[in-house]
N, C-alpha and C. Protein backbone atom coordinates (compact mmCIF):
# COMPACT_ATOMS: atom_id res chain seq x y z
N MET A 1 151.49 -86.77 129.65
CA MET A 1 151.55 -86.97 131.09
C MET A 1 152.06 -85.67 131.72
N ASN A 2 151.37 -85.19 132.74
CA ASN A 2 151.80 -83.93 133.36
C ASN A 2 152.95 -84.16 134.34
N LEU A 3 153.50 -83.09 134.82
CA LEU A 3 154.68 -83.15 135.69
C LEU A 3 154.41 -83.93 136.97
N HIS A 4 153.25 -83.72 137.57
CA HIS A 4 152.93 -84.42 138.82
C HIS A 4 152.85 -85.92 138.60
N ALA A 5 152.24 -86.34 137.51
CA ALA A 5 152.13 -87.76 137.21
C ALA A 5 153.51 -88.35 136.94
N MET A 6 154.35 -87.59 136.23
CA MET A 6 155.71 -88.06 135.95
C MET A 6 156.50 -88.24 137.25
N GLU A 7 156.33 -87.33 138.19
CA GLU A 7 157.03 -87.43 139.47
C GLU A 7 156.58 -88.68 140.22
N LYS A 8 155.29 -89.01 140.16
CA LYS A 8 154.78 -90.20 140.85
C LYS A 8 155.35 -91.47 140.23
N GLU A 9 155.66 -91.43 138.93
CA GLU A 9 156.18 -92.60 138.23
C GLU A 9 157.69 -92.76 138.40
N MET A 10 158.34 -91.74 138.92
CA MET A 10 159.80 -91.80 139.09
C MET A 10 160.15 -92.82 140.17
N THR A 11 161.28 -93.48 139.97
CA THR A 11 161.77 -94.37 141.02
C THR A 11 162.31 -93.51 142.16
N TYR A 12 162.56 -94.15 143.28
CA TYR A 12 163.14 -93.45 144.43
C TYR A 12 164.48 -92.83 144.02
N ALA A 13 165.31 -93.61 143.35
CA ALA A 13 166.63 -93.12 142.94
C ALA A 13 166.52 -91.94 141.98
N GLU A 14 165.57 -91.98 141.06
CA GLU A 14 165.36 -90.87 140.13
C GLU A 14 164.91 -89.62 140.87
N SER A 15 164.03 -89.80 141.84
CA SER A 15 163.55 -88.66 142.63
C SER A 15 164.69 -88.02 143.42
N VAL A 16 165.51 -88.85 144.03
CA VAL A 16 166.66 -88.33 144.80
C VAL A 16 167.63 -87.61 143.87
N GLN A 17 167.86 -88.18 142.70
CA GLN A 17 168.76 -87.54 141.73
C GLN A 17 168.21 -86.18 141.29
N ARG A 18 166.90 -86.10 141.06
CA ARG A 18 166.29 -84.83 140.67
C ARG A 18 166.37 -83.83 141.82
N LEU A 19 166.16 -84.28 143.05
CA LEU A 19 166.30 -83.40 144.21
C LEU A 19 167.71 -82.84 144.31
N GLN A 20 168.70 -83.69 144.07
CA GLN A 20 170.09 -83.23 144.11
C GLN A 20 170.34 -82.19 143.03
N ALA A 21 169.75 -82.39 141.84
CA ALA A 21 169.92 -81.42 140.76
C ALA A 21 169.27 -80.08 141.12
N ILE A 22 168.12 -80.14 141.75
CA ILE A 22 167.45 -78.90 142.16
C ILE A 22 168.29 -78.16 143.19
N VAL A 23 168.83 -78.87 144.16
CA VAL A 23 169.67 -78.25 145.18
C VAL A 23 170.89 -77.60 144.52
N THR A 24 171.50 -78.30 143.58
CA THR A 24 172.67 -77.76 142.88
C THR A 24 172.31 -76.47 142.15
N GLU A 25 171.16 -76.49 141.45
CA GLU A 25 170.71 -75.29 140.74
C GLU A 25 170.51 -74.13 141.71
N MET A 26 169.91 -74.43 142.85
CA MET A 26 169.64 -73.38 143.83
C MET A 26 170.93 -72.83 144.43
N GLU A 27 171.93 -73.68 144.58
CA GLU A 27 173.19 -73.24 145.17
C GLU A 27 174.05 -72.46 144.18
N GLN A 28 173.98 -72.80 142.91
CA GLN A 28 174.90 -72.23 141.93
C GLN A 28 174.33 -71.06 141.14
N ASP A 29 173.04 -71.02 140.98
CA ASP A 29 172.45 -70.00 140.12
C ASP A 29 171.73 -68.94 140.93
N ALA A 30 171.71 -67.76 140.36
CA ALA A 30 170.89 -66.69 140.94
C ALA A 30 169.53 -66.81 140.28
N LEU A 31 168.68 -67.68 140.83
CA LEU A 31 167.40 -67.95 140.23
C LEU A 31 166.41 -66.82 140.47
N ASP A 32 165.63 -66.55 139.45
CA ASP A 32 164.52 -65.63 139.57
C ASP A 32 163.58 -66.15 140.65
N VAL A 33 162.94 -65.27 141.37
CA VAL A 33 162.09 -65.68 142.49
C VAL A 33 160.97 -66.61 142.02
N ASP A 34 160.43 -66.38 140.83
CA ASP A 34 159.37 -67.25 140.32
C ASP A 34 159.90 -68.65 140.00
N VAL A 35 161.09 -68.72 139.43
CA VAL A 35 161.71 -70.00 139.12
C VAL A 35 162.06 -70.73 140.42
N LEU A 36 162.60 -69.98 141.36
CA LEU A 36 162.93 -70.56 142.67
C LEU A 36 161.69 -71.15 143.33
N PHE A 37 160.58 -70.42 143.28
CA PHE A 37 159.33 -70.89 143.86
C PHE A 37 158.90 -72.21 143.21
N GLU A 38 159.00 -72.31 141.90
CA GLU A 38 158.62 -73.54 141.19
C GLU A 38 159.55 -74.70 141.57
N LYS A 39 160.83 -74.40 141.72
CA LYS A 39 161.80 -75.44 142.12
C LYS A 39 161.49 -75.95 143.53
N VAL A 40 161.13 -75.04 144.43
CA VAL A 40 160.80 -75.43 145.80
C VAL A 40 159.54 -76.30 145.81
N LYS A 41 158.54 -75.93 145.01
CA LYS A 41 157.32 -76.74 144.93
C LYS A 41 157.62 -78.13 144.36
N GLU A 42 158.45 -78.18 143.32
CA GLU A 42 158.82 -79.48 142.74
C GLU A 42 159.57 -80.33 143.77
N ALA A 43 160.51 -79.71 144.47
CA ALA A 43 161.28 -80.43 145.48
C ALA A 43 160.35 -80.97 146.57
N SER A 44 159.39 -80.18 146.96
CA SER A 44 158.43 -80.62 147.98
C SER A 44 157.66 -81.84 147.52
N ARG A 45 157.20 -81.84 146.27
CA ARG A 45 156.47 -82.99 145.74
C ARG A 45 157.37 -84.21 145.67
N LEU A 46 158.62 -84.02 145.28
CA LEU A 46 159.56 -85.13 145.20
C LEU A 46 159.84 -85.72 146.59
N ILE A 47 159.96 -84.87 147.58
CA ILE A 47 160.19 -85.34 148.95
C ILE A 47 159.00 -86.17 149.43
N VAL A 48 157.79 -85.70 149.16
CA VAL A 48 156.59 -86.45 149.53
C VAL A 48 156.59 -87.80 148.82
N ASN A 49 156.92 -87.80 147.55
CA ASN A 49 156.98 -89.04 146.77
C ASN A 49 158.00 -90.01 147.36
N CYS A 50 159.17 -89.52 147.72
CA CYS A 50 160.20 -90.37 148.32
C CYS A 50 159.73 -90.93 149.66
N ARG A 51 159.13 -90.08 150.46
CA ARG A 51 158.63 -90.51 151.77
C ARG A 51 157.58 -91.61 151.61
N GLU A 52 156.66 -91.44 150.67
CA GLU A 52 155.63 -92.45 150.42
C GLU A 52 156.25 -93.77 150.00
N LYS A 53 157.24 -93.71 149.12
CA LYS A 53 157.90 -94.93 148.67
C LYS A 53 158.62 -95.62 149.82
N LEU A 54 159.28 -94.85 150.67
CA LEU A 54 159.99 -95.43 151.81
C LEU A 54 159.02 -96.10 152.78
N PHE A 55 157.90 -95.44 153.08
CA PHE A 55 156.91 -96.04 153.99
C PHE A 55 156.31 -97.31 153.39
N LYS A 56 156.07 -97.29 152.09
CA LYS A 56 155.51 -98.47 151.43
C LYS A 56 156.49 -99.64 151.52
N VAL A 57 157.74 -99.38 151.18
CA VAL A 57 158.76 -100.44 151.22
C VAL A 57 158.94 -100.94 152.65
N ASP A 58 158.96 -100.02 153.61
CA ASP A 58 159.10 -100.41 155.01
C ASP A 58 157.97 -101.36 155.42
N GLY A 59 156.75 -101.03 155.05
CA GLY A 59 155.62 -101.88 155.38
C GLY A 59 155.72 -103.24 154.73
N GLU A 60 156.15 -103.27 153.48
CA GLU A 60 156.28 -104.54 152.77
C GLU A 60 157.37 -105.41 153.38
N VAL A 61 158.49 -104.78 153.75
CA VAL A 61 159.58 -105.54 154.37
C VAL A 61 159.12 -106.11 155.72
N LYS A 62 158.43 -105.29 156.51
CA LYS A 62 157.94 -105.77 157.80
C LYS A 62 156.98 -106.95 157.61
N LYS A 63 156.12 -106.87 156.60
CA LYS A 63 155.19 -107.95 156.32
C LYS A 63 155.94 -109.23 155.95
N ILE A 64 156.94 -109.11 155.12
CA ILE A 64 157.75 -110.27 154.72
C ILE A 64 158.44 -110.88 155.93
N LEU A 65 159.01 -110.03 156.77
CA LEU A 65 159.69 -110.53 157.97
C LEU A 65 158.73 -111.22 158.93
N GLU A 66 157.52 -110.70 159.06
CA GLU A 66 156.52 -111.34 159.91
C GLU A 66 156.14 -112.72 159.37
N GLU A 67 156.06 -112.83 158.05
CA GLU A 67 155.70 -114.11 157.43
C GLU A 67 156.79 -115.15 157.63
N LEU A 68 158.03 -114.71 157.81
CA LEU A 68 159.14 -115.63 157.99
C LEU A 68 159.21 -116.19 159.41
N GLN A 69 158.53 -115.55 160.33
CA GLN A 69 158.58 -115.99 161.74
C GLN A 69 157.62 -117.12 162.00
């Protein structure tokens, strides 16, 4: 399984945890520009993944609430 597929399979909490780890690495280490670029790309994909999960859950919750009315 490639990195992109693994990121899609991560839970929201796992994605947030990985984002926090990336931020910590960026704050503490003098990263090579190529490594930094890869970290930024990974963080971007994780943010998109989190956003998609949040929108999906929001829609499902709204649907459930509508059914209760």
